[in-house]
Amino acid sequence: MDRMHLKIEASIIACVIMILLCSCNLFVTDKDKFYLDKDLNYTLSRIDIKKTGPDIIIPAKVGNRIVWRIYLADPYFSRIDSLDISNVKELESFTIKLFGMNTGTKLKKLDFSKNKKLKYLEINKTTSLKKVIFNNNCEDIYLKGTSVKKVDLKKLEKLDDFSYFDGPLEELDISNNPNLEYITIANCNVKSLDVSKNPKLKKITVDEGTQIIGPTNAQIEYNKGTE
């Protein structure tokens, strides 16, 4: 009888523990952590950082939906310390906007080298960000309000449009980007820009005083102040 009672008590205790664990939200799925907005063609637009923690790994799928676009536009995402998107092989578009220059974000690096299908990249007002690693197929890159001092565009032969605003960028080498059509570098520290290897350029926007090196048929505009 004692053994039977012990078995019954053990079963009851196990059931209670399971109930407590479930009530504590320890059994969460990716669908609980990440939200795909069907009105935005199933773009990943929200992350529950309370459930993921500040060091976030984005999955290739949420439920049965493949993650192919990411759009994070809210100061809430300043709570992110690190963001790993290496599993998102089908990613085509990535945007992060934190809406403020002093948001307290700790995000220092973003690596898109594994995202071979990524074409559009926008990083906006992510002031702690110091390094971005691009994939070779990027066509459109927009960086604003970051702490990125150097960018490596050497392998981006498909790059069509590059913009950089409000940051410590000091130099830019676009000699290996023959398909570049639009370039903007404003409110930064670039003193000269060599466009001699960019025959398809249509428009160049730079700060006043920035020297344009090389012949070009592109329209040139000079930024006179803070955008």
C-alpha atoms as a PDB file:
ATOM      1  CA  MET A   1       0.000   0.000   0.000  1.00  0.00           C
ATOM      2  CA  ASP A   2       2.791   2.413   0.873  1.00  0.00           C
ATOM      3  CA  ARG A   3       4.283   1.967  -2.591  1.00  0.00           C
ATOM      4  CA  MET A   4       0.894   2.573  -4.188  1.00  0.00           C
ATOM      5  CA  HIS A   5       0.418   5.764  -2.178  1.00  0.00           C
ATOM      6  CA  LEU A   6       3.885   6.925  -3.158  1.00  0.00           C
ATOM      7  CA  LYS A   7       3.110   6.354  -6.841  1.00  0.00           C
ATOM      8  CA  ILE A   8      -0.156   8.263  -6.558  1.00  0.00           C
ATOM      9  CA  GLU A   9       1.522  11.151  -4.722  1.00  0.00           C
ATOM     10  CA  ALA A  10       4.329  11.230  -7.308  1.00  0.00           C
ATOM     11  CA  SER A  11       1.763  11.391 -10.143  1.00  0.00           C
ATOM     12  CA  ILE A  12      -0.119  14.224  -8.423  1.00  0.00           C
ATOM     13  CA  ILE A  13       3.084  16.170  -7.846  1.00  0.00           C
ATOM     14  CA  ALA A  14       4.109  15.688 -11.490  1.00  0.00           C
ATOM     15  CA  CYS A  15       0.721  16.975 -12.668  1.00  0.00           C
ATOM     16  CA  VAL A  16       0.952  20.012 -10.408  1.00  0.00           C
ATOM     17  CA  ILE A  17       4.442  20.793 -11.703  1.00  0.00           C
ATOM     18  CA  MET A  18       3.237  20.561 -15.314  1.00  0.00           C
ATOM     19  CA  ILE A  19       0.332  22.896 -14.582  1.00  0.00           C
ATOM     20  CA  LEU A  20       2.641  25.393 -12.916  1.00  0.00           C
ATOM     21  CA  LEU A  21       5.107  25.274 -15.794  1.00  0.00           C
ATOM     22  CA  CYS A  22       2.356  25.866 -18.339  1.00  0.00           C
ATOM     23  CA  SER A  23       0.939  28.753 -16.300  1.00  0.00           C
ATOM     24  CA  CYS A  24       4.399  30.324 -16.210  1.00  0.00           C
ATOM     25  CA  ASN A  25       4.476  30.466 -20.042  1.00  0.00           C
ATOM     26  CA  LEU A  26       7.575  28.303 -20.251  1.00  0.00           C
ATOM     27  CA  PHE A  27       6.124  26.306 -23.127  1.00  0.00           C
ATOM     28  CA  VAL A  28       6.119  28.974 -25.845  1.00  0.00           C
ATOM     29  CA  THR A  29       6.493  28.481 -29.584  1.00  0.00           C
ATOM     30  CA  ASP A  30       7.918  30.739 -32.273  1.00  0.00           C
ATOM     31  CA  LYS A  31       4.336  31.853 -32.986  1.00  0.00           C
ATOM     32  CA  ASP A  32       4.202  33.220 -29.430  1.00  0.00           C
ATOM     33  CA  LYS A  33       7.486  35.110 -29.863  1.00  0.00           C
ATOM     34  CA  PHE A  34       7.227  36.429 -33.426  1.00  0.00           C
ATOM     35  CA  TYR A  35       4.323  37.962 -35.348  1.00  0.00           C
ATOM     36  CA  LEU A  36       3.871  37.860 -39.120  1.00  0.00           C
ATOM     37  CA  ASP A  37       1.485  40.591 -40.314  1.00  0.00           C
ATOM     38  CA  LYS A  38      -0.763  39.157 -43.003  1.00  0.00           C
ATOM     39  CA  ASP A  39      -1.794  42.696 -44.023  1.00  0.00           C
ATOM     40  CA  LEU A  40       1.864  43.302 -44.924  1.00  0.00           C
ATOM     41  CA  ASN A  41       2.168  40.089 -46.930  1.00  0.00           C
ATOM     42  CA  TYR A  42       3.256  38.158 -43.852  1.00  0.00           C
ATOM     43  CA  THR A  43       6.118  40.473 -42.933  1.00  0.00           C
ATOM     44  CA  LEU A  44       7.686  39.792 -39.521  1.00  0.00           C
ATOM     45  CA  SER A  45       6.815  43.056 -37.779  1.00  0.00           C
ATOM     46  CA  ARG A  46       6.687  42.292 -34.039  1.00  0.00           C
ATOM     47  CA  ILE A  47       8.844  40.409 -31.557  1.00  0.00           C
ATOM     48  CA  ASP A  48       7.887  39.719 -27.941  1.00  0.00           C
ATOM     49  CA  ILE A  49      11.224  40.441 -26.268  1.00  0.00           C
ATOM     50  CA  LYS A  50       9.885  39.291 -22.897  1.00  0.00           C
ATOM     51  CA  LYS A  51       9.614  35.808 -24.388  1.00  0.00           C
ATOM     52  CA  THR A  52      12.693  35.821 -26.626  1.00  0.00           C
ATOM     53  CA  GLY A  53      15.070  37.685 -24.331  1.00  0.00           C
ATOM     54  CA  PRO A  54      17.277  40.550 -25.604  1.00  0.00           C
ATOM     55  CA  ASP A  55      19.576  38.230 -27.593  1.00  0.00           C
ATOM     56  CA  ILE A  56      17.264  37.258 -30.421  1.00  0.00           C
ATOM     57  CA  ILE A  57      17.602  34.469 -32.963  1.00  0.00           C
ATOM     58  CA  ILE A  58      15.003  34.816 -35.721  1.00  0.00           C
ATOM     59  CA  PRO A  59      13.799  31.460 -37.091  1.00  0.00           C
ATOM     60  CA  ALA A  60      13.487  30.516 -40.747  1.00  0.00           C
ATOM     61  CA  LYS A  61       9.747  29.896 -40.220  1.00  0.00           C
ATOM     62  CA  VAL A  62       7.051  31.068 -37.857  1.00  0.00           C
ATOM     63  CA  GLY A  63       4.456  28.343 -37.781  1.00  0.00           C
ATOM     64  CA  ASN A  64       4.224  27.151 -41.373  1.00  0.00           C
ATOM     65  CA  ARG A  65       5.130  30.554 -42.836  1.00  0.00           C
ATOM     66  CA  ILE A  66       8.597  31.267 -44.194  1.00  0.00           C
ATOM     67  CA  VAL A  67      10.135  34.510 -42.928  1.00  0.00           C
ATOM     68  CA  TRP A  68      11.006  36.534 -46.027  1.00  0.00           C
ATOM     69  CA  ARG A  69      10.590  40.150 -44.889  1.00  0.00           C
ATOM     70  CA  ILE A  70      11.459  41.783 -41.569  1.00  0.00           C
ATOM     71  CA  TYR A  71      10.185  45.258 -40.633  1.00  0.00           C
ATOM     72  CA  LEU A  72      10.898  46.368 -37.050  1.00  0.00           C
ATOM     73  CA  ALA A  73       9.803  49.966 -36.597  1.00  0.00           C
ATOM     74  CA  ASP A  74       9.357  50.951 -32.956  1.00  0.00           C
ATOM     75  CA  PRO A  75      11.488  52.304 -30.077  1.00  0.00           C
ATOM     76  CA  TYR A  76      10.472  49.089 -28.268  1.00  0.00           C
ATOM     77  CA  PHE A  77      13.099  47.243 -30.286  1.00  0.00           C
ATOM     78  CA  SER A  78      15.820  49.284 -28.589  1.00  0.00           C
ATOM     79  CA  ARG A  79      15.688  46.506 -25.986  1.00  0.00           C
ATOM     80  CA  ILE A  80      17.407  44.192 -28.466  1.00  0.00           C
ATOM     81  CA  ASP A  81      21.027  43.474 -27.498  1.00  0.00           C
ATOM     82  CA  SER A  82      21.845  41.208 -30.438  1.00  0.00           C
ATOM     83  CA  LEU A  83      19.988  39.999 -33.499  1.00  0.00           C
ATOM     84  CA  ASP A  84      20.879  36.802 -35.356  1.00  0.00           C
ATOM     85  CA  ILE A  85      19.243  36.490 -38.782  1.00  0.00           C
ATOM     86  CA  SER A  86      21.551  33.803 -40.153  1.00  0.00           C
ATOM     87  CA  ASN A  87      18.761  31.188 -40.229  1.00  0.00           C
ATOM     88  CA  VAL A  88      16.482  33.346 -42.392  1.00  0.00           C
ATOM     89  CA  LYS A  89      17.710  32.046 -45.758  1.00  0.00           C
ATOM     90  CA  GLU A  90      14.711  33.416 -47.714  1.00  0.00           C
ATOM     91  CA  LEU A  91      15.052  36.968 -46.378  1.00  0.00           C
ATOM     92  CA  GLU A  92      14.621  39.553 -49.147  1.00  0.00           C
ATOM     93  CA  SER A  93      14.026  42.779 -47.214  1.00  0.00           C
ATOM     94  CA  PHE A  94      15.160  43.976 -43.773  1.00  0.00           C
ATOM     95  CA  THR A  95      14.273  47.223 -42.002  1.00  0.00           C
ATOM     96  CA  ILE A  96      14.919  48.393 -38.453  1.00  0.00           C
ATOM     97  CA  LYS A  97      13.857  51.872 -37.284  1.00  0.00           C
ATOM     98  CA  LEU A  98      14.204  52.947 -33.665  1.00  0.00           C
ATOM     99  CA  PHE A  99      12.838  56.513 -34.015  1.00  0.00           C
ATOM    100  CA  GLY A 100      15.275  58.400 -31.834  1.00  0.00           C
ATOM    101  CA  MET A 101      18.957  59.157 -31.482  1.00  0.00           C
ATOM    102  CA  ASN A 102      19.179  58.233 -27.788  1.00  0.00           C
ATOM    103  CA  THR A 103      17.155  55.058 -27.522  1.00  0.00           C
ATOM    104  CA  GLY A 104      19.599  53.133 -25.344  1.00  0.00           C
ATOM    105  CA  THR A 105      20.001  50.293 -27.816  1.00  0.00           C
ATOM    106  CA  LYS A 106      22.978  47.947 -27.339  1.00  0.00           C
ATOM    107  CA  LEU A 107      22.859  46.477 -30.836  1.00  0.00           C
ATOM    108  CA  LYS A 108      26.424  46.781 -32.155  1.00  0.00           C
ATOM    109  CA  LYS A 109      26.609  44.431 -35.141  1.00  0.00           C
ATOM    110  CA  LEU A 110      24.371  43.048 -37.867  1.00  0.00           C
ATOM    111  CA  ASP A 111      25.594  40.238 -40.112  1.00  0.00           C
ATOM    112  CA  PHE A 112      23.708  39.538 -43.348  1.00  0.00           C
ATOM    113  CA  SER A 113      26.383  37.373 -44.964  1.00  0.00           C
ATOM    114  CA  LYS A 114      24.151  34.259 -44.778  1.00  0.00           C
ATOM    115  CA  ASN A 115      21.120  35.998 -46.283  1.00  0.00           C
ATOM    116  CA  LYS A 116      21.915  35.415 -49.946  1.00  0.00           C
ATOM    117  CA  LYS A 117      18.507  36.603 -51.182  1.00  0.00           C
ATOM    118  CA  LEU A 118      18.535  39.903 -49.294  1.00  0.00           C
ATOM    119  CA  LYS A 119      18.190  42.830 -51.704  1.00  0.00           C
ATOM    120  CA  TYR A 120      16.858  45.729 -49.614  1.00  0.00           C
ATOM    121  CA  LEU A 121      18.408  46.825 -46.316  1.00  0.00           C
ATOM    122  CA  GLU A 122      17.438  49.819 -44.176  1.00  0.00           C
ATOM    123  CA  ILE A 123      18.934  50.629 -40.761  1.00  0.00           C
ATOM    124  CA  ASN A 124      17.622  53.835 -39.258  1.00  0.00           C
ATOM    125  CA  LYS A 125      18.649  55.601 -36.037  1.00  0.00           C
ATOM    126  CA  THR A 126      20.329  52.612 -34.445  1.00  0.00           C
ATOM    127  CA  THR A 127      23.023  54.664 -32.769  1.00  0.00           C
ATOM    128  CA  SER A 128      25.005  51.881 -31.109  1.00  0.00           C
ATOM    129  CA  LEU A 129      25.468  49.957 -34.359  1.00  0.00           C
ATOM    130  CA  LYS A 130      29.137  49.959 -35.377  1.00  0.00           C
ATOM    131  CA  LYS A 131      29.392  47.202 -37.968  1.00  0.00           C
ATOM    132  CA  VAL A 132      27.256  45.851 -40.782  1.00  0.00           C
ATOM    133  CA  ILE A 133      28.286  42.853 -42.892  1.00  0.00           C
ATOM    134  CA  PHE A 134      26.440  42.810 -46.210  1.00  0.00           C
ATOM    135  CA  ASN A 135      25.611  39.899 -48.469  1.00  0.00           C
ATOM    136  CA  ASN A 136      26.912  40.026 -52.031  1.00  0.00           C
ATOM    137  CA  ASN A 137      23.460  40.377 -53.622  1.00  0.00           C
ATOM    138  CA  CYS A 138      22.311  43.563 -51.889  1.00  0.00           C
ATOM    139  CA  GLU A 139      20.931  46.083 -54.363  1.00  0.00           C
ATOM    140  CA  ASP A 140      19.607  48.868 -52.117  1.00  0.00           C
ATOM    141  CA  ILE A 141      21.248  49.944 -48.820  1.00  0.00           C
ATOM    142  CA  TYR A 142      20.108  52.800 -46.568  1.00  0.00           C
ATOM    143  CA  LEU A 143      21.985  53.655 -43.351  1.00  0.00           C
ATOM    144  CA  LYS A 144      21.007  56.611 -41.184  1.00  0.00           C
ATOM    145  CA  GLY A 145      21.905  57.602 -37.643  1.00  0.00           C
ATOM    146  CA  THR A 146      24.314  54.740 -36.945  1.00  0.00           C
ATOM    147  CA  SER A 147      27.862  54.617 -35.546  1.00  0.00           C
ATOM    148  CA  VAL A 148      29.156  52.774 -38.602  1.00  0.00           C
ATOM    149  CA  LYS A 149      32.535  54.286 -39.478  1.00  0.00           C
ATOM    150  CA  LYS A 150      33.510  51.914 -42.306  1.00  0.00           C
ATOM    151  CA  VAL A 151      31.492  50.052 -44.910  1.00  0.00           C
ATOM    152  CA  ASP A 152      32.785  47.334 -47.211  1.00  0.00           C
ATOM    153  CA  LEU A 153      31.008  47.370 -50.582  1.00  0.00           C
ATOM    154  CA  LYS A 154      33.717  45.614 -52.591  1.00  0.00           C
ATOM    155  CA  LYS A 155      31.756  42.433 -53.326  1.00  0.00           C
ATOM    156  CA  LEU A 156      28.423  44.120 -53.999  1.00  0.00           C
ATOM    157  CA  GLU A 157      28.513  44.185 -57.804  1.00  0.00           C
ATOM    158  CA  LYS A 158      24.700  44.348 -57.998  1.00  0.00           C
ATOM    159  CA  LEU A 159      24.455  47.419 -55.758  1.00  0.00           C
ATOM    160  CA  ASP A 160      22.158  49.966 -57.371  1.00  0.00           C
ATOM    161  CA  ASP A 161      21.415  52.513 -54.625  1.00  0.00           C
ATOM    162  CA  PHE A 162      23.511  53.400 -51.556  1.00  0.00           C
ATOM    163  CA  SER A 163      22.624  56.028 -48.946  1.00  0.00           C
ATOM    164  CA  TYR A 164      24.423  57.008 -45.757  1.00  0.00           C
ATOM    165  CA  PHE A 165      23.250  59.846 -43.467  1.00  0.00           C
ATOM    166  CA  ASP A 166      24.205  61.218 -40.069  1.00  0.00           C
ATOM    167  CA  GLY A 167      27.204  59.183 -39.000  1.00  0.00           C
ATOM    168  CA  PRO A 168      30.998  59.058 -38.670  1.00  0.00           C
ATOM    169  CA  LEU A 169      31.761  57.607 -42.137  1.00  0.00           C
ATOM    170  CA  GLU A 170      35.152  58.955 -43.267  1.00  0.00           C
ATOM    171  CA  GLU A 171      35.749  57.291 -46.639  1.00  0.00           C
ATOM    172  CA  LEU A 172      33.890  55.239 -49.197  1.00  0.00           C
ATOM    173  CA  ASP A 173      35.253  52.976 -51.934  1.00  0.00           C
ATOM    174  CA  ILE A 174      32.718  52.349 -54.725  1.00  0.00           C
ATOM    175  CA  SER A 175      35.224  51.246 -57.353  1.00  0.00           C
ATOM    176  CA  ASN A 176      33.791  47.700 -57.438  1.00  0.00           C
ATOM    177  CA  ASN A 177      30.160  48.743 -57.848  1.00  0.00           C
ATOM    178  CA  PRO A 178      29.729  49.178 -61.626  1.00  0.00           C
ATOM    179  CA  ASN A 179      25.910  49.029 -61.483  1.00  0.00           C
ATOM    180  CA  LEU A 180      25.530  51.848 -58.951  1.00  0.00           C
ATOM    181  CA  GLU A 181      22.981  54.418 -60.149  1.00  0.00           C
ATOM    182  CA  TYR A 182      22.255  56.489 -57.042  1.00  0.00           C
ATOM    183  CA  ILE A 183      24.522  57.453 -54.163  1.00  0.00           C
ATOM    184  CA  THR A 184      23.942  59.748 -51.203  1.00  0.00           C
ATOM    185  CA  ILE A 185      26.467  60.459 -48.451  1.00  0.00           C
ATOM    186  CA  ALA A 186      25.364  63.343 -46.253  1.00  0.00           C
ATOM    187  CA  ASN A 187      26.108  64.721 -42.789  1.00  0.00           C
ATOM    188  CA  CYS A 188      29.225  62.594 -42.463  1.00  0.00           C
ATOM    189  CA  ASN A 189      33.022  63.005 -42.754  1.00  0.00           C
ATOM    190  CA  VAL A 190      33.716  61.896 -46.327  1.00  0.00           C
ATOM    191  CA  LYS A 191      35.974  64.487 -47.994  1.00  0.00           C
ATOM    192  CA  SER A 192      36.185  62.969 -51.483  1.00  0.00           C
ATOM    193  CA  LEU A 193      34.339  60.439 -53.620  1.00  0.00           C
ATOM    194  CA  ASP A 194      35.879  58.694 -56.623  1.00  0.00           C
ATOM    195  CA  VAL A 195      33.171  57.880 -59.194  1.00  0.00           C
ATOM    196  CA  SER A 196      35.483  57.063 -62.107  1.00  0.00           C
ATOM    197  CA  LYS A 197      34.470  53.360 -62.043  1.00  0.00           C
ATOM    198  CA  ASN A 198      30.713  53.986 -61.880  1.00  0.00           C
ATOM    199  CA  PRO A 199      29.521  54.594 -65.449  1.00  0.00           C
ATOM    200  CA  LYS A 200      25.825  54.040 -64.674  1.00  0.00           C
ATOM    201  CA  LEU A 201      25.544  56.756 -62.013  1.00  0.00           C
ATOM    202  CA  LYS A 202      22.483  58.947 -62.486  1.00  0.00           C
ATOM    203  CA  LYS A 203      22.515  61.021 -59.308  1.00  0.00           C
ATOM    204  CA  ILE A 204      25.158  61.878 -56.685  1.00  0.00           C
ATOM    205  CA  THR A 205      24.314  63.671 -53.431  1.00  0.00           C
ATOM    206  CA  VAL A 206      27.176  64.702 -51.149  1.00  0.00           C
ATOM    207  CA  ASP A 207      27.924  67.314 -48.499  1.00  0.00           C
ATOM    208  CA  GLU A 208      29.100  70.730 -49.588  1.00  0.00           C
ATOM    209  CA  GLY A 209      32.881  70.633 -49.865  1.00  0.00           C
ATOM    210  CA  THR A 210      33.077  66.953 -50.774  1.00  0.00           C
ATOM    211  CA  GLN A 211      35.281  66.522 -53.841  1.00  0.00           C
ATOM    212  CA  ILE A 212      33.949  64.429 -56.723  1.00  0.00           C
ATOM    213  CA  ILE A 213      36.811  62.618 -58.462  1.00  0.00           C
ATOM    214  CA  GLY A 214      36.552  61.340 -62.023  1.00  0.00           C
ATOM    215  CA  PRO A 215      34.348  62.136 -65.015  1.00  0.00           C
ATOM    216  CA  THR A 216      30.617  61.565 -64.643  1.00  0.00           C
ATOM    217  CA  ASN A 217      27.376  62.367 -66.434  1.00  0.00           C
ATOM    218  CA  ALA A 218      25.407  62.042 -63.194  1.00  0.00           C
ATOM    219  CA  GLN A 219      23.402  64.866 -61.684  1.00  0.00           C
ATOM    220  CA  ILE A 220      25.300  66.210 -58.662  1.00  0.00           C
ATOM    221  CA  GLU A 221      23.544  67.765 -55.666  1.00  0.00           C
ATOM    222  CA  TYR A 222      25.194  69.206 -52.575  1.00  0.00           C
ATOM    223  CA  ASN A 223      23.727  68.811 -49.118  1.00  0.00           C
ATOM    224  CA  LYS A 224      23.952  72.148 -47.328  1.00  0.00           C
ATOM    225  CA  GLY A 225      22.913  71.137 -43.847  1.00  0.00           C
ATOM    226  CA  THR A 226      21.322  68.528 -41.604  1.00  0.00           C
ATOM    227  CA  GLU A 227      18.764  66.539 -43.520  1.00  0.00           C
END
